[in-house]
Amino acid sequence: MKGIIFAELIGFMEEVGGLDFAEQVLASSELPNDGAFTRIGTYPAAYALKMVGVASEVSGVPADQLCRQYGEWLFARFVILYPKIVGQYPTAEVMLEHVGSHIHEEVVVLYPDAKPPKVTATRDDDDLIIHYSSHRPMAHIAYGLVKGCMVHYGDTRQVEWVGDNDPASASFRIAAPETLAA
C-alpha cells in the first residue's frame, strides 16, 4: 500500500485519539520500520492491519468500525489533498461511478507500482451499487470512503453494506432510506 494511506492513518489516530494514543499504537504495533512512513513509499498492508488491530485493542472500538471511521475521515482529507480531482465531479454518484475507470487509473500513472482495488458501479433501478474487490482486506475503509463521498457532496441517500461481511470483496447499495432493508 502507498505510504500516503499510512501517513493519513497516523493523522487520523492523532486527530481522534490524540498524540499519545497514536504514539502508543505505533509503539505497540512493533512494526519493523517503527511506524516511519513516507507518503510516496510502499509498505505491506499487514502494517496497516496491525496498527488498526492495536488501535482497536487500546480504544475498545471494533476494528471494522475504526476502518469505516477512517475511510470517512480519509475522504475529507482527499478533498483537501486532491481538490482538482474531487472538484471535477459534480455529484457523489458521478465520482463513485468513475473511481475504477478514472481515479484509480490516475493513481497507477502517478505510482506505477500501485495496485489499487477494483471498484465498479452498477445500477439496480434507482439505486447505485458500488462493488469493491481487492487482494487487501480493506472493504470497511472503502465503505467509509463511500460514506465520506456522500457527505462531501451533500447526498442524503443512505449507504448499506450488502451481502457477506467479506473485508476483501464487498458491495454497497446507495439508496433513499425508505428503500433499504431494515
Protein backbone atom coordinates (compact mmCIF):
# COMPACT_ATOMS: atom_id res chain seq x y z
CA MET A 1 0.00 0.00 0.00
CA LYS A 2 1.13 3.51 -0.69
CA GLY A 3 2.64 5.43 2.19
CA ILE A 4 0.07 8.20 1.98
CA ILE A 5 -2.53 5.78 3.37
CA PHE A 6 -0.27 5.06 6.35
CA ALA A 7 0.61 8.71 6.94
CA GLU A 8 -3.07 9.61 6.87
CA LEU A 9 -3.90 6.70 9.20
CA ILE A 10 -1.47 8.12 11.74
CA GLY A 11 -3.03 11.56 11.25
CA PHE A 12 -6.47 10.05 11.84
CA MET A 13 -5.32 8.41 15.07
CA GLU A 14 -3.78 11.67 16.26
CA GLU A 15 -6.93 13.62 15.48
CA VAL A 16 -9.44 11.24 17.06
CA GLY A 17 -7.36 9.84 19.91
CA GLY A 18 -4.63 12.40 20.46
CA LEU A 19 -0.89 12.29 20.01
CA ASP A 20 -0.35 9.97 22.98
CA PHE A 21 -2.85 7.48 21.56
CA ALA A 22 -1.16 7.48 18.13
CA GLU A 23 2.27 7.04 19.69
CA GLN A 24 1.01 4.19 21.87
CA VAL A 25 -0.48 2.44 18.84
CA LEU A 26 2.73 2.81 16.83
CA ALA A 27 4.91 1.59 19.70
CA SER A 28 2.62 -1.35 20.49
CA SER A 29 2.39 -2.33 16.81
CA GLU A 30 6.11 -3.17 16.84
CA LEU A 31 6.48 -2.56 13.12
CA PRO A 32 9.87 -3.24 11.51
CA ASN A 33 10.05 0.41 10.40
CA ASP A 34 8.90 1.72 13.82
CA GLY A 35 5.99 3.47 12.11
CA ALA A 36 8.17 5.66 9.89
CA PHE A 37 6.29 6.05 6.61
CA THR A 38 6.94 8.31 3.64
CA ARG A 39 3.94 9.41 1.63
CA ILE A 40 5.40 8.02 -1.60
CA GLY A 41 6.79 4.78 -0.17
CA THR A 42 5.16 1.38 -0.47
CA TYR A 43 4.52 -0.78 2.59
CA PRO A 44 2.83 -4.10 3.36
CA ALA A 45 -0.90 -3.82 4.02
CA ALA A 46 -0.24 -6.02 7.06
CA TYR A 47 1.34 -2.98 8.75
CA ALA A 48 -1.93 -1.04 8.49
CA LEU A 49 -3.91 -4.04 9.69
CA LYS A 50 -1.60 -4.40 12.67
CA MET A 51 -1.97 -0.70 13.52
CA VAL A 52 -5.76 -0.89 13.31
CA GLY A 53 -5.80 -4.05 15.44
CA VAL A 54 -3.72 -2.38 18.13
CA ALA A 55 -5.83 0.82 17.93
CA SER A 56 -8.91 -1.34 18.42
CA GLU A 57 -7.41 -3.06 21.47
CA VAL A 58 -6.31 0.23 23.03
CA SER A 59 -9.53 2.14 22.31
CA GLY A 60 -12.06 -0.65 22.70
CA VAL A 61 -13.62 0.32 19.36
CA PRO A 62 -14.10 -2.63 16.97
CA ALA A 63 -11.55 -2.69 14.13
CA ASP A 64 -14.20 -2.64 11.39
CA GLN A 65 -15.77 0.45 12.95
CA LEU A 66 -12.38 2.17 13.15
CA CYS A 67 -11.77 1.37 9.48
CA ARG A 68 -15.14 2.83 8.48
CA GLN A 69 -14.45 5.98 10.51
CA TYR A 70 -11.00 6.24 8.95
CA GLY A 71 -12.50 5.89 5.46
CA GLU A 72 -14.91 8.76 6.09
CA TRP A 73 -12.11 10.88 7.52
CA LEU A 74 -9.81 9.94 4.63
CA PHE A 75 -12.28 11.14 2.02
CA ALA A 76 -12.35 14.55 3.71
CA ARG A 77 -8.54 14.55 3.53
CA PHE A 78 -8.65 13.64 -0.18
CA VAL A 79 -10.83 16.72 -0.74
CA ILE A 80 -8.01 18.82 0.75
CA LEU A 81 -5.11 16.90 -0.82
CA TYR A 82 -6.63 16.45 -4.29
CA PRO A 83 -9.09 19.32 -4.84
CA LYS A 84 -8.73 19.24 -8.64
CA ILE A 85 -9.64 15.57 -8.83
CA VAL A 86 -12.60 15.83 -6.45
CA GLY A 87 -13.69 19.15 -7.97
CA GLN A 88 -14.14 17.71 -11.44
CA TYR A 89 -17.08 15.58 -10.32
CA PRO A 90 -20.41 17.38 -9.81
CA THR A 91 -22.03 14.71 -7.61
CA ALA A 92 -21.14 11.80 -5.37
CA GLU A 93 -22.73 9.42 -7.82
CA VAL A 94 -20.67 10.64 -10.77
CA MET A 95 -17.50 10.45 -8.73
CA LEU A 96 -18.24 6.95 -7.45
CA GLU A 97 -19.01 5.78 -10.98
CA HIS A 98 -15.51 6.90 -12.04
CA VAL A 99 -13.34 5.59 -9.21
CA GLY A 100 -12.24 2.49 -11.10
CA SER A 101 -12.27 3.88 -14.63
CA HIS A 102 -10.57 7.20 -13.93
CA ILE A 103 -9.32 7.85 -10.42
CA HIS A 104 -7.52 4.55 -9.88
CA GLU A 105 -6.08 4.78 -13.41
CA GLU A 106 -4.59 8.15 -12.41
CA VAL A 107 -3.12 6.55 -9.29
CA VAL A 108 -1.34 3.95 -11.42
CA VAL A 109 0.01 6.68 -13.73
CA LEU A 110 1.42 8.54 -10.71
CA TYR A 111 2.59 5.38 -8.94
CA PRO A 112 3.28 2.60 -11.49
CA ASP A 113 3.84 0.06 -8.71
CA ALA A 114 0.42 0.79 -7.12
CA LYS A 115 -2.17 -1.97 -7.06
CA PRO A 116 -5.45 -0.18 -6.32
CA PRO A 117 -8.58 -2.18 -5.59
CA LYS A 118 -11.10 -2.86 -8.32
CA VAL A 119 -14.08 -0.57 -7.85
CA THR A 120 -17.05 -0.63 -10.21
CA ALA A 121 -20.55 0.80 -10.13
CA THR A 122 -23.76 -0.73 -11.41
CA ARG A 123 -27.41 0.27 -11.32
CA ASP A 124 -30.31 -1.55 -9.73
CA ASP A 125 -33.34 0.54 -10.68
CA ASP A 126 -32.84 3.85 -8.83
CA ASP A 127 -30.07 2.50 -6.61
CA LEU A 128 -26.35 2.66 -7.26
CA ILE A 129 -24.32 -0.38 -6.24
CA ILE A 130 -20.60 0.05 -5.63
CA HIS A 131 -18.55 -3.15 -5.90
CA TYR A 132 -15.16 -3.36 -4.17
CA SER A 133 -12.65 -6.15 -4.69
CA SER A 134 -9.02 -6.25 -3.58
CA HIS A 135 -6.18 -8.52 -2.57
CA ARG A 136 -6.15 -6.42 0.62
CA PRO A 137 -8.96 -6.76 3.19
CA MET A 138 -9.87 -3.07 3.27
CA ALA A 139 -13.58 -3.08 2.36
CA HIS A 140 -14.50 -1.35 5.62
CA ILE A 141 -12.27 1.57 4.65
CA ALA A 142 -13.90 1.59 1.20
CA TYR A 143 -17.32 1.69 2.86
CA GLY A 144 -16.21 4.71 4.89
CA LEU A 145 -14.82 6.37 1.76
CA VAL A 146 -18.19 5.95 0.03
CA LYS A 147 -19.98 7.44 3.05
CA GLY A 148 -17.46 10.30 3.19
CA CYS A 149 -18.04 10.97 -0.50
CA MET A 150 -21.79 11.13 0.07
CA VAL A 151 -21.36 13.57 2.94
CA HIS A 152 -18.98 15.78 0.97
CA TYR A 153 -21.44 16.16 -1.89
CA GLY A 154 -24.44 16.60 0.42
CA ASP A 155 -26.07 13.44 -0.92
CA THR A 156 -28.57 12.36 1.73
CA ARG A 157 -29.12 8.85 0.44
CA GLN A 158 -28.03 6.03 2.69
CA VAL A 159 -25.21 3.55 2.16
CA GLU A 160 -25.86 -0.08 3.04
CA TRP A 161 -23.34 -2.94 3.02
CA VAL A 162 -24.99 -5.76 1.08
CA GLY A 163 -24.02 -9.41 1.14
CA ASP A 164 -21.37 -11.05 3.25
CA ASN A 165 -19.12 -9.13 5.60
CA ASP A 166 -16.07 -10.02 3.48
CA PRO A 167 -13.31 -7.45 4.05
CA ALA A 168 -11.73 -8.16 0.65
CA SER A 169 -14.83 -8.11 -1.55
CA ALA A 170 -17.98 -6.16 -0.80
CA SER A 171 -20.87 -4.28 -2.36
CA PHE A 172 -22.52 -1.15 -1.07
CA ARG A 173 -26.03 -0.05 -2.04
CA ILE A 174 -26.72 3.67 -2.22
CA ALA A 175 -30.43 4.33 -1.99
CA ALA A 176 -33.11 6.51 -0.49
CA PRO A 177 -33.58 5.46 3.17
CA GLU A 178 -37.07 4.10 2.63
CA THR A 179 -35.84 1.58 0.03
CA LEU A 180 -33.11 -0.02 2.14
CA ALA A 181 -33.71 -3.22 4.07
CA ALA A 182 -34.40 -2.75 7.76
